[in-house]
Protein backbone atom coordinates (compact mmCIF):
# COMPACT_ATOMS: atom_id res chain seq x y z
CA GLU A 1 -77.65 -38.04 -125.47
CA GLY A 2 -77.73 -41.72 -124.57
CA LYS A 3 -78.39 -42.82 -128.15
CA GLN A 4 -76.45 -45.48 -129.99
CA ARG A 5 -74.05 -44.27 -132.64
CA GLN A 6 -71.46 -45.83 -134.91
CA GLY A 7 -67.81 -44.86 -135.41
CA THR A 8 -66.87 -44.47 -131.76
CA ALA A 9 -64.07 -47.06 -131.68
CA CYS A 10 -60.91 -45.97 -129.87
CA LEU A 11 -57.58 -46.35 -131.62
CA SER A 12 -55.95 -47.25 -128.30
CA PRO A 13 -57.34 -50.41 -126.71
CA ILE A 14 -55.26 -49.87 -123.55
CA PRO A 15 -57.11 -48.28 -120.57
CA GLY A 16 -55.50 -45.14 -119.21
CA VAL A 17 -53.71 -44.31 -122.47
CA SER A 18 -54.41 -41.56 -125.01
CA ALA A 19 -53.83 -41.88 -128.74
CA GLY A 20 -53.81 -39.33 -131.56
CA ASN A 21 -52.26 -36.00 -132.57
CA GLY A 22 -54.86 -33.81 -130.83
CA CYS A 23 -54.18 -34.81 -127.22
CA GLY A 24 -53.24 -32.18 -124.67
CA HIS A 25 -52.49 -32.47 -120.94
CA THR A 26 -53.49 -35.98 -119.86
CA LEU A 27 -53.24 -37.81 -116.55
CA LEU A 28 -55.43 -40.92 -116.29
CA THR A 29 -55.59 -43.20 -113.25
CA PRO A 30 -58.10 -45.94 -112.35
CA HIS A 31 -59.82 -43.70 -109.79
CA SER A 32 -59.69 -40.23 -111.36
CA GLY A 33 -58.00 -38.13 -114.02
CA THR A 34 -57.87 -35.01 -116.15
CA LEU A 35 -57.61 -34.61 -119.92
CA SER A 36 -57.62 -31.78 -122.44
CA SER A 37 -57.25 -31.11 -126.15
CA LYS A 38 -53.96 -29.92 -127.59
CA ASN A 39 -53.10 -26.24 -126.94
CA TYR A 40 -55.93 -25.82 -124.41
CA PRO A 41 -57.03 -23.12 -123.58
CA GLY A 42 -55.56 -21.79 -126.84
CA THR A 43 -57.20 -22.59 -130.15
CA TYR A 44 -57.08 -26.30 -130.89
CA PRO A 45 -55.34 -27.31 -134.17
CA ASN A 46 -57.04 -28.18 -137.46
CA HIS A 47 -57.39 -31.81 -138.58
CA THR A 48 -56.54 -33.52 -135.31
CA MET A 49 -58.05 -36.25 -133.20
CA CYS A 50 -57.50 -37.77 -129.79
CA CYS A 51 -58.94 -40.83 -128.15
CA TRP A 52 -58.85 -41.52 -124.42
CA ARG A 53 -60.06 -44.77 -122.85
CA LEU A 54 -61.13 -44.43 -119.22
CA GLN A 55 -61.34 -47.56 -117.09
CA ALA A 56 -62.69 -47.64 -113.52
CA PRO A 57 -62.18 -50.55 -111.08
CA PRO A 58 -64.65 -53.45 -111.32
CA GLY A 59 -67.95 -52.78 -109.58
CA THR A 60 -67.68 -49.00 -109.95
CA SER A 61 -68.92 -46.56 -112.59
CA LEU A 62 -67.50 -43.37 -114.07
CA LEU A 63 -68.56 -39.78 -113.36
CA LEU A 64 -67.36 -37.19 -115.90
CA ALA A 65 -67.17 -33.45 -115.22
CA PHE A 66 -67.18 -31.09 -118.21
CA GLY A 67 -64.75 -28.34 -117.23
CA ASP A 68 -64.90 -26.65 -120.63
CA VAL A 69 -66.25 -27.69 -124.02
CA ASP A 70 -65.64 -24.91 -126.56
CA LEU A 71 -65.62 -26.42 -130.07
CA GLU A 72 -66.53 -24.35 -133.12
CA PRO A 73 -70.24 -24.81 -133.93
CA SER A 74 -71.42 -26.65 -137.05
CA GLU A 75 -74.43 -28.66 -138.10
CA HIS A 76 -74.47 -31.93 -136.15
CA CYS A 77 -71.02 -30.85 -134.82
CA ALA A 78 -69.53 -32.18 -138.06
CA HIS A 79 -66.44 -29.92 -138.08
CA SER A 80 -65.33 -30.35 -134.46
CA SER A 81 -66.86 -32.70 -131.93
CA LEU A 82 -66.59 -34.43 -128.58
CA LEU A 83 -68.19 -37.87 -128.31
CA LEU A 84 -68.33 -40.16 -125.28
CA ALA A 85 -69.22 -43.81 -125.64
CA ASP A 86 -69.60 -46.98 -123.64
CA PRO A 87 -68.07 -49.63 -125.91
CA GLN A 88 -69.65 -52.43 -123.88
CA THR A 89 -73.27 -51.37 -124.45
CA GLY A 90 -72.92 -49.10 -127.50
CA THR A 91 -74.44 -46.15 -125.60
CA ALA A 92 -73.04 -42.77 -126.66
CA TYR A 93 -73.27 -39.19 -125.37
CA GLY A 94 -72.95 -36.37 -127.87
CA PRO A 95 -71.64 -35.28 -130.22
CA TYR A 96 -70.93 -31.98 -128.45
CA CYS A 97 -69.75 -28.63 -129.79
CA ARG A 98 -70.60 -24.97 -129.10
CA ASN A 99 -74.15 -25.22 -130.48
CA SER A 100 -74.78 -28.57 -128.81
CA ILE A 101 -73.33 -28.44 -125.32
CA PRO A 102 -73.75 -31.03 -122.53
CA SER A 103 -77.05 -30.59 -120.71
CA ALA A 104 -75.36 -30.77 -117.27
CA PRO A 105 -71.82 -30.16 -116.02
CA LEU A 106 -71.63 -33.68 -114.56
CA LEU A 107 -72.35 -36.86 -116.52
CA VAL A 108 -73.12 -39.89 -114.35
CA THR A 109 -72.70 -43.13 -116.26
CA ASN A 110 -73.52 -46.73 -115.34
CA SER A 111 -70.34 -48.03 -116.93
CA SER A 112 -66.82 -48.71 -115.75
CA THR A 113 -65.44 -48.04 -119.26
CA VAL A 114 -65.87 -44.90 -121.32
CA THR A 115 -64.19 -43.89 -124.56
CA VAL A 116 -63.67 -40.14 -125.10
CA LEU A 117 -63.21 -39.17 -128.75
CA PHE A 118 -62.25 -35.67 -129.94
CA ASN A 119 -62.14 -34.74 -133.65
CA SER A 120 -61.41 -31.50 -135.50
CA THR A 121 -61.43 -30.51 -139.17
CA SER A 122 -60.94 -26.95 -140.52
CA HIS A 123 -62.06 -24.26 -138.08
CA ARG A 124 -61.19 -20.74 -136.90
CA SER A 125 -61.93 -20.59 -133.19
CA GLY A 126 -62.45 -22.61 -130.05
CA ARG A 127 -60.51 -23.33 -126.87
CA GLY A 128 -61.07 -27.06 -127.16
CA LEU A 129 -62.00 -29.19 -124.20
CA LEU A 130 -61.12 -29.86 -120.58
CA LEU A 131 -62.63 -32.88 -118.80
CA SER A 132 -62.07 -34.63 -115.51
CA TYR A 133 -63.48 -37.83 -114.11
CA ALA A 134 -63.81 -39.85 -110.93
CA THR A 135 -65.55 -43.07 -109.96
CA SER A 136 -68.73 -43.82 -108.00
CA GLN A 137 -66.43 -44.47 -105.02
CA HIS A 138 -65.95 -40.68 -104.89
CA PRO A 139 -69.41 -39.20 -105.50
CA GLY A 140 -68.65 -35.77 -104.00
CA THR A 141 -68.46 -32.52 -105.94
CA HIS A 142 -65.61 -32.48 -108.48
CA TYR A 143 -63.65 -29.38 -109.39
CA THR A 144 -61.17 -28.44 -112.07
CA GLN A 145 -62.09 -24.78 -112.49
CA GLU A 146 -61.72 -21.61 -110.45
CA HIS A 147 -64.83 -21.14 -108.38
CA VAL A 148 -66.71 -22.93 -105.62
CA SER A 149 -70.41 -22.89 -106.44
CA PRO A 150 -72.72 -22.60 -104.68
CA ASP A 151 -70.79 -20.57 -102.09
CA PRO A 152 -70.81 -22.25 -98.66
CA PRO A 153 -71.10 -20.02 -95.56
CA LEU A 154 -67.97 -18.31 -94.27
CA THR A 155 -65.76 -20.35 -91.86
CA MET A 156 -67.81 -23.52 -92.42
CA CYS A 157 -65.69 -26.53 -93.45
CA PHE A 158 -66.78 -28.35 -96.59
CA SER A 159 -65.35 -31.12 -98.70
CA VAL A 160 -64.75 -31.53 -102.44
CA TYR A 161 -63.10 -34.22 -104.53
CA CYS A 162 -60.17 -33.18 -106.72
CA PRO A 163 -59.22 -35.51 -109.59
CA ALA A 164 -55.66 -36.47 -110.47
CA GLY A 165 -53.90 -34.17 -112.92
CA CYS A 166 -54.95 -30.71 -111.66
CA LYS A 167 -51.39 -29.43 -111.20
CA ASP A 168 -50.79 -28.73 -114.89
CA ILE A 169 -54.18 -27.38 -115.97
CA HIS A 170 -54.45 -23.75 -117.08
CA GLY A 171 -55.13 -21.12 -114.43
CA ASP A 172 -53.48 -19.17 -111.62
CA ILE A 173 -53.26 -19.45 -107.86
CA TRP A 174 -52.56 -16.63 -105.42
CA GLY A 175 -51.35 -17.20 -101.87
CA ASN A 176 -49.72 -19.95 -99.84
CA PRO A 177 -50.61 -22.70 -97.33
CA SER A 178 -50.15 -20.53 -94.23
CA GLN A 179 -52.17 -17.51 -95.43
CA GLY A 180 -54.70 -19.30 -97.58
CA TYR A 181 -55.53 -18.59 -101.21
CA ARG A 182 -57.41 -15.88 -103.05
CA ASP A 183 -60.90 -17.25 -103.82
CA THR A 184 -60.32 -16.74 -107.56
CA SER A 185 -57.54 -19.36 -107.50
CA VAL A 186 -58.01 -22.66 -109.33
CA LEU A 187 -59.21 -24.68 -106.36
CA CYS A 188 -57.67 -28.11 -106.99
CA LYS A 189 -54.43 -26.60 -108.29
CA ALA A 190 -54.22 -24.67 -105.01
CA ALA A 191 -54.85 -27.93 -103.13
CA VAL A 192 -51.77 -29.48 -104.77
CA HIS A 193 -49.74 -26.35 -103.92
CA ALA A 194 -50.93 -26.54 -100.30
CA GLY A 195 -49.79 -30.16 -100.06
CA VAL A 196 -53.16 -31.62 -99.06
CA ILE A 197 -53.30 -33.95 -102.10
CA ALA A 198 -50.76 -35.49 -104.47
CA ASP A 199 -51.32 -34.53 -108.10
CA GLU A 200 -50.77 -38.07 -109.34
CA LEU A 201 -53.58 -39.37 -107.09
CA GLY A 202 -56.06 -36.57 -106.45
CA GLY A 203 -58.34 -37.01 -103.46
CA GLN A 204 -60.87 -35.58 -101.05
CA VAL A 205 -60.09 -32.05 -99.86
CA THR A 206 -61.42 -30.28 -96.77
CA LEU A 207 -61.43 -26.47 -96.82
CA SER A 208 -63.27 -23.41 -95.61
CA ARG A 209 -64.06 -19.96 -96.98
CA GLU A 210 -62.66 -17.27 -94.71
CA LYS A 211 -62.64 -13.49 -94.81
CA GLY A 212 -60.16 -12.20 -97.40
CA ILE A 213 -56.88 -10.45 -96.61
CA THR A 214 -55.14 -7.39 -98.06
CA LEU A 215 -52.19 -9.15 -99.71
CA TYR A 216 -51.47 -12.75 -100.69
CA GLU A 217 -47.77 -13.64 -100.76
CA SER A 218 -46.37 -15.96 -103.42
CA ALA A 219 -44.61 -19.23 -102.60
CA PHE A 220 -43.02 -22.20 -104.37
CA ALA A 221 -44.39 -25.49 -103.07
CA ASN A 222 -44.90 -29.01 -104.42
CA GLY A 223 -43.73 -28.08 -107.91
CA LEU A 224 -46.01 -25.03 -108.28
CA HIS A 225 -45.29 -21.31 -108.01
CA SER A 226 -48.20 -19.23 -106.74
CA LYS A 227 -48.58 -15.55 -107.55
CA ARG A 228 -48.61 -12.48 -105.33
CA GLY A 229 -52.20 -11.29 -105.16
CA SER A 230 -54.15 -8.26 -104.03
CA LEU A 231 -57.14 -7.84 -101.71
CA SER A 232 -60.08 -10.20 -102.10
CA GLU A 233 -63.37 -10.44 -100.25
CA LYS A 234 -62.90 -14.14 -99.47
CA ARG A 235 -60.08 -16.66 -99.33
CA LEU A 236 -59.78 -20.45 -99.38
CA VAL A 237 -58.10 -22.20 -96.46
CA PHE A 238 -57.23 -25.90 -96.75
CA HIS A 239 -57.33 -28.18 -93.71
CA LYS A 240 -55.30 -31.35 -93.36
CA VAL A 241 -57.28 -34.22 -91.87
CA CYS A 242 -54.67 -34.78 -89.17
CA CYS A 243 -54.95 -31.12 -88.14
CA LEU A 244 -58.68 -31.48 -87.57
CA LEU A 245 -57.84 -34.26 -85.14
CA SER A 246 -54.58 -32.86 -83.75
CA PRO A 247 -53.66 -29.19 -84.21
CA ALA A 248 -49.97 -30.06 -83.70
CA CYS A 249 -49.61 -31.99 -86.96
CA ASP A 250 -47.91 -29.05 -88.71
CA ASP A 251 -45.37 -28.49 -85.92
CA VAL A 252 -41.73 -28.34 -86.96
CA LEU A 253 -40.00 -31.50 -85.77
CA GLU A 254 -36.92 -31.12 -83.61
CA VAL A 255 -33.70 -32.56 -85.06
CA VAL A 256 -31.52 -34.17 -82.39
CA THR A 257 -28.43 -34.66 -84.58
CA PHE A 258 -27.31 -33.60 -88.05
CA ASN A 259 -24.85 -35.70 -90.04
CA ALA A 260 -23.51 -35.32 -93.59
CA SER A 261 -21.39 -37.03 -96.22
CA SER A 262 -18.89 -34.18 -95.93
CA TRP A 263 -18.66 -30.50 -95.10
CA TRP A 264 -16.83 -27.57 -96.63
CA HIS A 265 -13.90 -26.00 -94.79
CA GLU A 266 -13.73 -22.53 -96.33
CA VAL A 267 -10.82 -20.14 -96.00
CA ASP A 268 -11.98 -16.65 -96.97
CA PRO A 269 -9.81 -13.98 -98.71
CA LEU A 270 -8.74 -12.66 -95.29
CA GLY A 271 -7.46 -16.07 -94.26
CA GLN A 272 -10.29 -16.71 -91.80
CA ASP A 273 -11.72 -20.20 -91.42
CA ARG A 274 -15.42 -20.89 -91.90
CA ALA A 275 -16.91 -24.34 -91.27
CA TRP A 276 -20.02 -25.22 -93.29
CA VAL A 277 -20.80 -28.15 -90.98
CA ALA A 278 -23.95 -30.31 -90.96
CA GLU A 279 -25.38 -28.65 -87.81
CA ARG A 280 -25.75 -25.41 -89.77
CA ALA A 281 -28.43 -27.06 -91.95
CA ALA A 282 -31.16 -26.19 -89.42
CA LEU A 283 -33.62 -23.83 -91.14
CA SER A 284 -33.48 -21.35 -88.24
CA THR A 285 -29.70 -20.96 -88.42
CA THR A 286 -28.53 -17.44 -89.25
CA GLY A 287 -25.49 -16.86 -91.45
CA HIS A 288 -23.97 -19.56 -93.61
CA SER A 289 -25.57 -23.01 -93.93
CA TRP A 290 -24.29 -26.53 -94.48
CA ALA A 291 -22.38 -27.21 -97.71
CA ALA A 292 -20.70 -30.39 -98.86
CA GLU A 293 -17.03 -30.52 -99.82
CA PRO A 294 -16.96 -29.02 -103.37
CA SER A 295 -15.45 -32.19 -104.88
CA THR A 296 -18.26 -34.40 -103.51
CA GLU A 297 -20.41 -35.97 -106.24
CA ALA A 298 -23.04 -37.76 -104.15
CA ALA A 299 -23.58 -35.49 -101.17
CA TRP A 300 -26.16 -36.25 -98.49
CA LEU A 301 -27.49 -34.66 -95.32
CA GLU A 302 -28.91 -36.83 -92.54
CA LEU A 303 -31.35 -35.87 -89.78
CA ASP A 304 -31.83 -37.89 -86.59
CA LEU A 305 -35.24 -37.06 -85.07
CA GLY A 306 -34.45 -38.92 -81.83
CA THR A 307 -37.40 -41.29 -82.10
CA ARG A 308 -39.75 -42.56 -84.77
CA ARG A 309 -41.86 -39.64 -86.02
CA ASN A 310 -44.60 -38.97 -88.59
CA VAL A 311 -43.00 -36.66 -91.17
CA THR A 312 -45.51 -34.91 -93.46
CA GLY A 313 -43.23 -32.57 -95.41
CA ILE A 314 -39.96 -30.70 -95.77
CA ILE A 315 -38.88 -27.07 -96.20
CA THR A 316 -35.58 -26.18 -97.87
CA LYS A 317 -33.64 -22.93 -98.23
CA GLY A 318 -30.25 -21.98 -99.62
CA SER A 319 -27.48 -19.96 -97.99
CA SER A 320 -27.56 -16.25 -98.82
CA GLU A 321 -24.52 -15.55 -96.65
CA GLN A 322 -22.07 -14.13 -99.24
CA HIS A 323 -22.49 -17.21 -101.43
CA ASP A 324 -25.46 -17.83 -103.71
CA TYR A 325 -25.74 -21.53 -102.84
CA TYR A 326 -28.86 -23.69 -103.04
CA VAL A 327 -30.03 -27.18 -104.07
CA THR A 328 -32.27 -27.42 -107.16
CA SER A 329 -33.49 -31.01 -106.70
CA TYR A 330 -33.04 -33.91 -104.33
CA HIS A 331 -34.12 -37.42 -103.33
CA VAL A 332 -35.27 -38.44 -99.84
CA SER A 333 -34.57 -41.70 -98.00
CA SER A 334 -35.68 -42.82 -94.56
CA SER A 335 -34.54 -45.34 -91.99
CA ARG A 336 -35.74 -46.69 -88.67
CA ASP A 337 -32.29 -47.78 -87.47
CA GLY A 338 -29.86 -45.53 -89.38
CA LYS A 339 -28.45 -48.51 -91.29
CA ASN A 340 -31.11 -49.77 -93.69
CA TRP A 341 -32.42 -47.01 -95.97
CA ARG A 342 -35.61 -46.89 -98.00
CA PRO A 343 -35.93 -44.40 -100.88
CA TYR A 344 -39.11 -42.32 -100.89
CA ARG A 345 -41.29 -43.11 -103.88
CA GLY A 346 -44.40 -41.09 -103.11
CA SER A 347 -47.92 -42.20 -103.89
CA SER A 348 -47.09 -43.81 -107.24
CA GLY A 349 -44.61 -46.27 -105.73
CA GLN A 350 -42.91 -46.90 -109.07
CA GLU A 351 -39.65 -44.91 -108.95
CA ASP A 352 -37.69 -42.81 -106.51
CA LYS A 353 -39.32 -39.39 -106.31
CA VAL A 354 -37.30 -36.34 -107.31
CA PHE A 355 -38.32 -33.27 -105.32
CA GLY A 356 -38.05 -29.80 -106.80
CA GLY A 357 -35.73 -27.64 -104.72
CA ASN A 358 -34.83 -23.97 -104.70
CA ALA A 359 -34.38 -21.48 -107.53
CA ASP A 360 -32.45 -18.95 -105.44
CA SER A 361 -30.56 -18.81 -102.15
CA HIS A 362 -33.07 -16.88 -100.03
CA GLY A 363 -36.58 -18.24 -100.70
CA GLU A 364 -38.14 -21.17 -98.85
CA VAL A 365 -39.60 -24.09 -100.82
CA SER A 366 -41.88 -26.70 -99.27
CA ASN A 367 -42.73 -30.21 -100.44
CA ALA A 368 -45.33 -32.52 -98.91
CA PHE A 369 -44.84 -36.22 -98.25
CA ILE A 370 -48.01 -37.98 -99.44
CA PRO A 371 -48.11 -40.51 -97.88
CA PRO A 372 -46.13 -39.36 -94.80
CA ILE A 373 -42.80 -40.90 -93.82
CA VAL A 374 -42.71 -42.79 -90.51
CA ALA A 375 -39.08 -43.01 -89.46
CA ARG A 376 -36.40 -41.78 -87.05
CA TYR A 377 -33.78 -40.94 -89.67
CA ILE A 378 -34.24 -38.84 -92.81
CA ARG A 379 -31.54 -38.47 -95.46
């Protein structure tokens, strides 16, 4: 490690971009990211390569965490290899494979630019590789895998840094934000599910290890579906920063007035009228919900919170009252005066965010607003 080598040039000169036919899940940002080989954790293909160029902000350096490096062994890792290089100084780390693994799970570099090069020839086995990275601005413990090690004491809060891109890595989560998560859950994936970080940004996470419970219920939240899980000795409970300062930050906000683009006036087979008006959109309403006029193409529902509020998330549910109605996806806009509307673009800020909605008419689905919305009106 740390020796100069030749042949480490990246095919893609653009920072934050991968190039090659052996690239798997990849999300690269200036502050953190996650990358893997194709098919991970299945066997990686023969005769492939991938090159990632990581670029940190000026004045910072890169920290790389080896989540998994399982490349078929060969002499000098000639058949399959992982090589990391600093193109500015010519310093290289590796090559790595199963008989030449990294000496530590975390590689601390002195460079703001690192090229990651993966090559494979003919082989029979190997999961491939899973790496994550952060910058020296975030020197805390980094996680992409299942377990917290070493185990902190029960009930004691501790903090870890989760890189961007954990949502789509391999592994399961059991539980939900209100109960907590089975301690065998992929930690940072569970953090995205709990809504304490945005997957496209990553970030610092505060959590505690609590005594386990008998049954963990599944839930759909922030684009992830957790599993129903059985008894565990311990569980992971995530804490939002605002809740540490103010326990009321997860309170359900009161809606003063509901408004909508239209509502459905139903006449049932017995000739009875049923009004699917906007007021019936409140989550606590029993019976039928709000529904737009069936011919409406661009339906919207508007909530007046009475005064400017800090809105950290939303919960949606369909109407299971005789009709299997629900919304599968939606946009969110906000306004301070009810006249000028701003579309919600999330942490990326590039395009209007599309939120994943419901897959049936009876389950609840939650989505976090990261950053929160500060407004009186939500549409």
